[in-house]
Amino acid sequence: MSSSTNEFDVIVIGGGIMGSATAYQTAKRGCRTLLLEQFDLLHHRGSSHGESHTIHATYPEDYYTDMVFESSKLWREAEAEAGYRVYTSTPHLDMGPANGVNLQAFKAICQRNSFPVEALNPSAVAKKFSGRLSIPEDWIAVYTEFGGIIKPTKAVSMFQALALQRGAVLKDNMAVKDIKREEVRGGIVVYTAMGDKFRGRKCVVTAGAWTKKLVHSITGHELPIQPLETAVWHWRIKEGHEEKYAIGGDFPTFASYGQPYIYGTPSLEFPGLIKIAVHCGCLCDPDKRPWLPGRDLDSLKEWIGGRFLGLLDCSTPASTQSCMYSMTPDEDFVLDFLGGEFKEDVVIGGGFSGHGFKMAPVIGRILAELVLTGSADGVELKHFRIGRFDENPKGNVKEFADQVGFIESPN
């Protein structure tokens, strides 16, 4: 292509973690790359902000296990290039009813992949965590040394900085309104709401909760990706017990399977507070979200009281933050070509369903390879094709329950 400042090899639309990781990967491969973000860079209106996201490899779907391990390696490589850390290792603990299908599924997958796990009964949990954590008598827990916490905003910034170092161009406050195929010259043209026009040989759409809206405006096609607003809560550790749950010790990231599905991390971002939240939310329009609608926290408070032996103040959250998930019906990602008139010139990365952040480095690699070569090494992409919803509106068939809960908004 020509050297015009508005002409690029790859245009990435959406500057969250997935778009930033993709821009880094395409720039790393020597492509002239443009990253467009509709809001300010590092904004808090989507899914890629905040101070902690967990890493774990215990999935009931075996196609995620290798992706998590590769991402862990790629996180470390990016950190080494940047010169600072965004990823802190911790152990990880999953817990739930002994007959739970999800727990049994990922325990079997871990064993099949020679991924070491330790099954714990209630007395073993109490002993291992020295009275800091308790599970009911009819529950089990699965412990692994492989867990961790990613600092989201810092991680997005890291990939953007690395992309810049590799020659990428980053532009914020550039809301994209249309993408058209350029029939004469080839490639695509991206139009912004402010009247800017950028040409690219290829394009990657990583627009998060806005992916469905953008794809519909471009093609008229309805992608089954539904934005969902969720909340993160931090709870105060009672005085004198703060160090028991602090990062850097032996307390794990954790997940509790069942109703509700609950997850949390050791105390990290706010001294004396521990993050414990419910994996659920309200369906929303990302441009008209309710921003933390009122929710019934009674079941979460009861869970905290039962698991943490009275060492946390569960009367009311000390801090509440809002973010969004982009849900698919099967809670699996969309990593595929847009198709139609765009054929393989436009690639979609979306529908990360509240569990994609940890895999951003490998997703960035996959999207970069798809858009540049038409295929991605080492990953079976059949689970992530858009066409799976044509075959079955619910997507991939699974034998276990959905993990993310949907609650009705009072608004």
Protein backbone atom coordinates (compact mmCIF):
# COMPACT_ATOMS: atom_id res chain seq x y z
CA MET A 1 0.00 0.00 0.00
CA SER A 2 1.08 3.61 -0.30
CA SER A 3 2.76 5.49 2.53
CA SER A 4 -0.28 7.69 3.19
CA THR A 5 -0.82 8.37 6.88
CA ASN A 6 -4.38 7.05 6.50
CA GLU A 7 -3.40 3.73 4.89
CA PHE A 8 -2.50 0.62 6.86
CA ASP A 9 -1.95 -3.10 6.55
CA VAL A 10 -4.29 -3.89 9.46
CA ILE A 11 -6.90 -1.75 11.19
CA VAL A 12 -8.00 -2.98 14.63
CA ILE A 13 -11.31 -1.59 15.89
CA GLY A 14 -11.59 -1.54 19.69
CA GLY A 15 -8.78 -0.64 22.08
CA GLY A 16 -9.58 -2.93 25.01
CA ILE A 17 -7.41 -5.87 25.98
CA MET A 18 -8.22 -7.97 22.90
CA GLY A 19 -7.69 -5.18 20.39
CA SER A 20 -4.52 -4.00 22.11
CA ALA A 21 -3.07 -7.53 22.20
CA THR A 22 -3.98 -7.98 18.52
CA ALA A 23 -2.41 -4.66 17.51
CA TYR A 24 0.77 -5.69 19.32
CA GLN A 25 0.82 -9.01 17.45
CA THR A 26 0.27 -7.49 14.01
CA ALA A 27 2.80 -4.71 14.62
CA LYS A 28 5.26 -7.32 15.91
CA ARG A 29 4.93 -9.06 12.54
CA GLY A 30 5.98 -5.90 10.73
CA CYS A 31 2.50 -4.77 9.66
CA ARG A 32 1.59 -1.12 9.62
CA THR A 33 -1.16 -1.22 12.23
CA LEU A 34 -3.85 1.24 13.29
CA LEU A 35 -5.74 0.77 16.56
CA LEU A 36 -9.00 2.75 16.82
CA GLU A 37 -10.81 3.27 20.14
CA GLN A 38 -14.23 4.92 20.33
CA PHE A 39 -13.61 6.44 23.79
CA ASP A 40 -10.48 7.61 25.59
CA LEU A 41 -7.72 5.03 25.76
CA LEU A 42 -7.87 3.11 29.05
CA HIS A 43 -11.48 4.15 29.68
CA HIS A 44 -13.73 2.41 32.24
CA ARG A 45 -16.86 1.98 30.10
CA GLY A 46 -16.27 -1.55 28.85
CA SER A 47 -14.70 -4.80 30.05
CA SER A 48 -10.96 -4.10 30.16
CA HIS A 49 -10.51 -1.88 33.20
CA GLY A 50 -9.99 -2.37 36.91
CA GLU A 51 -7.34 -3.84 39.12
CA SER A 52 -7.71 -7.62 39.03
CA HIS A 53 -8.78 -10.48 36.79
CA THR A 54 -8.03 -14.07 37.67
CA ILE A 55 -6.05 -16.69 35.77
CA HIS A 56 -6.86 -20.36 36.16
CA ALA A 57 -6.65 -23.40 33.92
CA THR A 58 -9.48 -25.44 35.45
CA TYR A 59 -12.12 -25.48 32.73
CA PRO A 60 -14.84 -28.07 32.09
CA GLU A 61 -14.16 -27.50 28.35
CA ASP A 62 -10.84 -29.07 27.37
CA TYR A 63 -10.29 -26.71 24.43
CA TYR A 64 -9.45 -23.86 26.81
CA THR A 65 -6.71 -25.59 28.80
CA ASP A 66 -3.89 -25.21 26.26
CA MET A 67 -5.00 -21.65 25.50
CA VAL A 68 -4.62 -20.68 29.16
CA PHE A 69 -1.15 -22.24 29.41
CA GLU A 70 0.03 -20.57 26.21
CA SER A 71 -1.35 -17.26 27.42
CA SER A 72 0.55 -17.59 30.69
CA LYS A 73 3.77 -17.98 28.69
CA LEU A 74 2.88 -15.04 26.43
CA TRP A 75 2.02 -12.83 29.42
CA ARG A 76 5.54 -13.44 30.76
CA GLU A 77 7.13 -12.75 27.37
CA ALA A 78 5.25 -9.44 27.03
CA GLU A 79 6.22 -8.47 30.58
CA ALA A 80 9.87 -9.16 29.80
CA GLU A 81 9.65 -6.94 26.73
CA ALA A 82 7.85 -4.16 28.61
CA GLY A 83 10.13 -4.34 31.66
CA TYR A 84 7.38 -4.55 34.30
CA ARG A 85 4.87 -7.03 35.70
CA VAL A 86 1.11 -7.23 35.26
CA TYR A 87 0.68 -10.89 36.28
CA THR A 88 1.04 -12.18 39.84
CA SER A 89 1.04 -15.96 40.35
CA THR A 90 -1.13 -17.53 43.06
CA PRO A 91 -2.55 -20.98 43.78
CA HIS A 92 -6.15 -21.58 42.68
CA LEU A 93 -9.01 -23.36 44.45
CA ASP A 94 -12.30 -24.55 42.96
CA MET A 95 -15.05 -25.72 45.31
CA GLY A 96 -18.62 -26.93 45.13
CA PRO A 97 -21.01 -29.83 45.75
CA ALA A 98 -19.25 -33.19 45.45
CA ASN A 99 -21.66 -34.32 42.74
CA GLY A 100 -21.29 -31.13 40.69
CA VAL A 101 -20.93 -31.84 36.97
CA ASN A 102 -18.58 -28.89 36.33
CA LEU A 103 -16.10 -29.87 39.04
CA GLN A 104 -16.02 -33.47 37.92
CA ALA A 105 -15.57 -32.44 34.27
CA PHE A 106 -12.56 -30.23 34.74
CA LYS A 107 -10.98 -32.61 37.26
CA ALA A 108 -11.11 -35.31 34.59
CA ILE A 109 -9.70 -32.92 31.97
CA CYS A 110 -6.81 -31.95 34.25
CA GLN A 111 -5.97 -35.60 34.83
CA ARG A 112 -6.18 -36.35 31.10
CA ASN A 113 -3.78 -33.48 30.36
CA SER A 114 -1.38 -34.42 33.19
CA PHE A 115 -2.16 -31.12 34.91
CA PRO A 116 -1.59 -31.76 38.63
CA VAL A 117 -4.57 -31.14 40.90
CA GLU A 118 -5.23 -32.02 44.53
CA ALA A 119 -8.70 -33.08 45.61
CA LEU A 120 -9.58 -31.88 49.11
CA ASN A 121 -12.41 -32.86 51.43
CA PRO A 122 -13.77 -30.34 53.98
CA SER A 123 -11.29 -31.27 56.72
CA ALA A 124 -8.38 -31.04 54.28
CA VAL A 125 -9.52 -27.57 53.20
CA ALA A 126 -9.69 -26.42 56.82
CA LYS A 127 -6.20 -27.80 57.46
CA LYS A 128 -4.63 -26.46 54.27
CA PHE A 129 -5.89 -22.92 54.87
CA SER A 130 -5.46 -22.89 58.65
CA GLY A 131 -9.02 -22.00 59.53
CA ARG A 132 -9.32 -19.17 56.97
CA LEU A 133 -11.73 -21.04 54.71
CA SER A 134 -14.40 -23.69 55.19
CA ILE A 135 -16.61 -25.75 52.87
CA PRO A 136 -19.76 -27.76 53.71
CA GLU A 137 -19.55 -31.46 54.50
CA ASP A 138 -21.08 -32.49 51.15
CA TRP A 139 -18.64 -30.36 49.11
CA ILE A 140 -15.21 -31.01 47.68
CA ALA A 141 -12.44 -28.68 46.55
CA VAL A 142 -9.81 -28.98 43.83
CA TYR A 143 -6.50 -27.20 44.44
CA THR A 144 -3.81 -26.36 41.88
CA GLU A 145 -0.61 -24.36 42.01
CA PHE A 146 -1.54 -22.69 38.72
CA GLY A 147 -3.52 -19.53 39.31
CA GLY A 148 -2.92 -15.83 39.26
CA ILE A 149 -4.11 -12.27 39.03
CA ILE A 150 -3.78 -9.90 36.08
CA LYS A 151 -3.98 -6.14 36.58
CA PRO A 152 -6.36 -5.24 33.72
CA THR A 153 -5.82 -1.53 33.06
CA LYS A 154 -2.06 -1.93 33.43
CA ALA A 155 -2.15 -4.92 31.06
CA VAL A 156 -4.06 -2.99 28.38
CA SER A 157 -1.57 -0.14 28.73
CA MET A 158 1.31 -2.60 28.41
CA PHE A 159 0.11 -4.02 25.09
CA GLN A 160 -0.63 -0.55 23.75
CA ALA A 161 2.87 0.62 24.70
CA LEU A 162 4.43 -2.46 23.09
CA ALA A 163 2.37 -1.91 19.94
CA LEU A 164 3.54 1.71 19.80
CA GLN A 165 7.14 0.60 20.18
CA ARG A 166 6.62 -1.68 17.18
CA GLY A 167 5.30 1.22 15.09
CA ALA A 168 1.53 0.93 15.54
CA VAL A 169 -0.63 4.06 15.42
CA LEU A 170 -3.18 4.48 18.23
CA LYS A 171 -6.12 6.85 17.91
CA ASP A 172 -8.80 7.32 20.56
CA ASN A 173 -12.19 9.04 20.47
CA MET A 174 -12.66 7.47 17.04
CA ALA A 175 -16.06 5.77 17.01
CA VAL A 176 -16.39 3.62 13.88
CA LYS A 177 -19.68 3.94 12.06
CA ASP A 178 -19.06 1.84 8.94
CA ILE A 179 -16.71 -0.56 7.18
CA LYS A 180 -16.88 -0.99 3.42
CA ARG A 181 -15.05 -3.17 0.97
CA GLU A 182 -13.05 -1.25 -1.62
CA GLU A 183 -13.72 -3.11 -4.84
CA VAL A 184 -11.33 -1.24 -7.15
CA ARG A 185 -8.18 -1.04 -5.03
CA GLY A 186 -8.96 -3.98 -2.80
CA GLY A 187 -8.98 -3.99 0.98
CA ILE A 188 -11.41 -2.19 3.23
CA VAL A 189 -12.27 1.36 4.25
CA VAL A 190 -13.18 2.29 7.82
CA TYR A 191 -15.33 5.38 8.41
CA THR A 192 -15.60 7.13 11.78
CA ALA A 193 -18.43 9.20 13.22
CA MET A 194 -16.17 12.27 13.05
CA GLY A 195 -15.72 11.95 9.28
CA ASP A 196 -12.30 10.27 9.24
CA LYS A 197 -11.57 7.63 6.61
CA PHE A 198 -8.87 4.97 6.94
CA ARG A 199 -7.88 2.36 4.39
CA GLY A 200 -6.56 -1.04 5.31
CA ARG A 201 -5.74 -4.31 3.59
CA LYS A 202 -7.32 -6.14 6.51
CA CYS A 203 -9.43 -5.37 9.58
CA VAL A 204 -10.03 -6.92 13.02
CA VAL A 205 -13.13 -6.03 15.04
CA THR A 206 -12.67 -6.35 18.82
CA ALA A 207 -15.38 -3.97 19.95
CA GLY A 208 -16.39 -5.77 23.14
CA ALA A 209 -19.95 -5.08 24.23
CA TRP A 210 -20.44 -2.97 21.07
CA THR A 211 -19.56 -5.81 18.67
CA LYS A 212 -23.16 -6.82 18.01
CA LYS A 213 -24.20 -3.23 17.26
CA LEU A 214 -21.25 -2.58 14.97
CA VAL A 215 -21.59 -5.81 12.99
CA HIS A 216 -25.33 -5.23 12.56
CA SER A 217 -24.78 -1.69 11.29
CA ILE A 218 -22.21 -2.96 8.78
CA THR A 219 -23.86 -6.15 7.52
CA GLY A 220 -27.39 -6.31 8.94
CA HIS A 221 -26.43 -9.64 10.51
CA GLU A 222 -27.37 -10.28 14.17
CA LEU A 223 -24.44 -11.82 16.02
CA PRO A 224 -25.65 -13.63 19.17
CA ILE A 225 -23.46 -11.56 21.48
CA GLN A 226 -25.41 -9.93 24.31
CA PRO A 227 -23.94 -7.24 26.58
CA LEU A 228 -24.45 -7.87 30.27
CA GLU A 229 -23.65 -5.44 33.09
CA THR A 230 -22.05 -7.02 36.12
CA ALA A 231 -20.65 -5.77 39.41
CA VAL A 232 -17.52 -6.48 41.41
CA TRP A 233 -17.60 -6.18 45.20
CA HIS A 234 -14.82 -5.86 47.76
CA TRP A 235 -15.39 -6.81 51.39
CA ARG A 236 -13.53 -5.64 54.47
CA ILE A 237 -11.32 -8.13 56.28
CA LYS A 238 -11.78 -7.79 60.01
CA GLU A 239 -8.98 -6.05 61.89
CA GLY A 240 -6.06 -8.28 62.76
CA HIS A 241 -6.75 -10.80 60.00
CA GLU A 242 -5.67 -8.79 56.97
CA GLU A 243 -2.40 -10.66 56.34
CA LYS A 244 -4.19 -14.01 56.24
CA TYR A 245 -5.78 -13.12 52.90
CA ALA A 246 -3.08 -10.89 51.41
CA ILE A 247 -1.48 -11.47 48.02
CA GLY A 248 1.98 -12.96 48.26
CA GLY A 249 1.02 -15.56 50.85
CA ASP A 250 -0.58 -18.93 50.20
CA PHE A 251 -4.21 -17.82 49.90
CA PRO A 252 -5.58 -18.69 46.43
CA THR A 253 -7.78 -17.21 43.80
CA PHE A 254 -11.00 -19.19 44.07
CA ALA A 255 -14.28 -20.14 42.43
CA SER A 256 -17.39 -21.69 43.95
CA TYR A 257 -19.55 -23.71 41.56
CA GLY A 258 -23.28 -23.83 42.01
CA GLN A 259 -26.03 -21.28 42.47
CA PRO A 260 -24.76 -18.66 42.58
CA TYR A 261 -21.36 -19.09 40.93
CA ILE A 262 -18.96 -17.02 43.07
CA TYR A 263 -15.35 -16.08 42.48
CA GLY A 264 -12.68 -14.05 44.23
CA THR A 265 -9.04 -13.16 44.73
CA PRO A 266 -6.66 -12.61 47.62
CA SER A 267 -6.42 -9.05 48.92
CA LEU A 268 -4.45 -7.04 46.36
CA GLU A 269 -5.69 -3.76 44.99
CA PHE A 270 -7.21 -2.33 48.16
CA PRO A 271 -5.38 -3.07 51.45
CA GLY A 272 -7.63 -4.82 53.94
CA LEU A 273 -10.28 -5.63 51.31
CA ILE A 274 -10.86 -8.89 49.48
CA LYS A 275 -12.68 -9.23 46.15
CA ILE A 276 -15.64 -11.63 46.20
CA ALA A 277 -18.28 -11.35 43.48
CA VAL A 278 -21.07 -13.25 41.76
CA HIS A 279 -20.56 -14.34 38.15
CA CYS A 280 -23.83 -12.82 36.94
CA GLY A 281 -25.40 -9.64 35.65
CA CYS A 282 -28.23 -7.84 33.89
CA LEU A 283 -28.72 -7.69 30.13
CA CYS A 284 -28.11 -4.15 28.95
CA ASP A 285 -27.58 -1.75 26.08
CA PRO A 286 -23.89 -0.73 26.38
CA ASP A 287 -24.81 2.86 25.51
CA LYS A 288 -27.67 3.04 28.04
CA ARG A 289 -26.55 0.79 30.85
CA PRO A 290 -28.06 1.29 34.30
CA TRP A 291 -24.65 1.58 36.01
CA LEU A 292 -25.00 -0.72 38.98
CA PRO A 293 -28.70 -1.48 39.32
CA GLY A 294 -29.79 -2.57 42.76
CA ARG A 295 -29.17 -6.26 43.45
CA ASP A 296 -30.02 -8.71 46.17
CA LEU A 297 -26.76 -9.64 47.89
CA ASP A 298 -28.28 -11.89 50.55
CA SER A 299 -27.08 -15.16 48.99
CA LEU A 300 -23.56 -13.78 48.54
CA LYS A 301 -23.46 -12.51 52.12
CA GLU A 302 -24.62 -15.90 53.35
CA TRP A 303 -21.92 -17.62 51.28
CA ILE A 304 -19.19 -15.31 52.63
CA GLY A 305 -20.34 -15.87 56.19
CA GLY A 306 -20.28 -19.63 55.74
CA ARG A 307 -16.96 -19.89 53.92
CA PHE A 308 -14.85 -17.30 55.76
CA LEU A 309 -15.64 -18.22 59.34
CA GLY A 310 -16.64 -14.74 60.42
CA LEU A 311 -13.29 -13.16 59.48
CA LEU A 312 -14.86 -10.84 56.90
CA ASP A 313 -17.42 -8.10 57.44
CA CYS A 314 -20.19 -9.25 55.12
CA SER A 315 -22.79 -6.73 56.30
CA THR A 316 -22.23 -4.47 53.28
CA PRO A 317 -19.64 -4.22 50.50
CA ALA A 318 -16.78 -1.79 51.15
CA SER A 319 -16.46 -1.08 47.41
CA THR A 320 -18.56 -1.67 44.30
CA GLN A 321 -17.43 -1.42 40.69
CA SER A 322 -19.25 -1.99 37.40
CA CYS A 323 -18.15 -3.58 34.15
CA MET A 324 -19.63 -5.54 31.24
CA TYR A 325 -19.49 -9.04 29.83
CA SER A 326 -20.23 -9.86 26.18
CA MET A 327 -22.18 -13.10 26.34
CA THR A 328 -22.70 -15.78 23.72
CA PRO A 329 -25.42 -18.43 24.25
CA ASP A 330 -22.81 -21.12 24.97
CA GLU A 331 -20.34 -18.80 26.76
CA ASP A 332 -17.68 -19.62 24.15
CA PHE A 333 -15.77 -17.03 22.15
CA VAL A 334 -16.29 -15.85 18.58
CA LEU A 335 -13.00 -15.96 16.66
CA ASP A 336 -13.83 -16.03 12.97
CA PHE A 337 -14.00 -14.24 9.64
CA LEU A 338 -16.92 -11.87 9.18
CA GLY A 339 -17.51 -13.47 5.77
CA GLY A 340 -20.09 -12.29 3.26
CA GLU A 341 -18.77 -9.56 0.99
CA PHE A 342 -15.79 -9.11 3.33
CA LYS A 343 -14.72 -12.75 2.93
CA GLU A 344 -11.52 -13.19 4.98
CA ASP A 345 -10.54 -9.51 5.02
CA VAL A 346 -12.41 -8.77 8.27
CA VAL A 347 -11.99 -10.92 11.40
CA ILE A 348 -14.23 -10.82 14.49
CA GLY A 349 -13.01 -11.37 18.06
CA GLY A 350 -15.84 -11.15 20.56
CA GLY A 351 -18.26 -12.85 22.91
CA PHE A 352 -15.65 -13.45 25.60
CA SER A 353 -18.43 -14.09 28.13
CA GLY A 354 -16.66 -12.96 31.29
CA HIS A 355 -13.71 -15.35 31.05
CA GLY A 356 -11.57 -14.23 28.11
CA PHE A 357 -9.26 -11.63 29.68
CA LYS A 358 -6.75 -14.20 30.95
CA MET A 359 -6.37 -15.53 27.39
CA ALA A 360 -5.87 -12.13 25.72
CA PRO A 361 -2.27 -12.80 24.61
CA VAL A 362 -3.18 -16.01 22.75
CA ILE A 363 -6.39 -14.46 21.39
CA GLY A 364 -4.31 -11.56 20.04
CA ARG A 365 -2.03 -14.09 18.34
CA ILE A 366 -4.96 -16.04 16.90
CA LEU A 367 -6.70 -12.94 15.52
CA ALA A 368 -3.44 -11.63 14.03
CA GLU A 369 -2.73 -14.94 12.31
CA LEU A 370 -6.30 -15.29 11.05
CA VAL A 371 -6.35 -11.86 9.47
CA LEU A 372 -2.83 -12.12 8.01
CA THR A 373 -2.66 -15.76 6.90
CA GLY A 374 -6.20 -17.13 7.04
CA SER A 375 -5.42 -19.70 9.75
CA ALA A 376 -4.11 -19.94 13.32
CA ASP A 377 -1.55 -22.43 14.56
CA GLY A 378 -2.15 -24.81 17.43
CA VAL A 379 -5.80 -23.98 18.15
CA GLU A 380 -8.92 -25.86 17.09
CA LEU A 381 -11.21 -23.04 16.02
CA LYS A 382 -14.35 -25.06 15.28
CA HIS A 383 -15.70 -24.22 18.75
CA PHE A 384 -15.38 -20.49 18.00
CA ARG A 385 -16.90 -20.23 14.52
CA ILE A 386 -19.87 -17.92 13.95
CA GLY A 387 -21.56 -20.66 11.92
CA ARG A 388 -22.10 -22.83 14.99
CA PHE A 389 -25.15 -20.70 15.81
CA ASP A 390 -26.66 -21.46 12.40
CA GLU A 391 -26.44 -25.16 13.20
CA ASN A 392 -27.75 -24.70 16.75
CA PRO A 393 -28.95 -21.33 18.15
CA LYS A 394 -27.51 -22.35 21.52
CA GLY A 395 -24.09 -22.96 20.01
CA ASN A 396 -21.79 -25.67 21.32
CA VAL A 397 -23.61 -28.47 23.12
CA LYS A 398 -22.43 -28.99 26.70
CA GLU A 399 -23.27 -31.43 29.45
CA PHE A 400 -22.85 -29.00 32.31
CA ALA A 401 -24.58 -25.83 33.49
CA ASP A 402 -23.83 -22.32 32.31
CA GLN A 403 -21.52 -20.48 34.66
CA VAL A 404 -22.75 -16.91 34.24
CA GLY A 405 -26.14 -16.15 35.77
CA PHE A 406 -28.67 -13.71 34.32
CA ILE A 407 -30.73 -11.53 36.62
CA GLU A 408 -33.53 -9.15 35.76
CA SER A 409 -32.74 -5.46 35.97
CA PRO A 410 -35.13 -3.47 38.15
CA ASN A 411 -34.79 -0.56 35.74
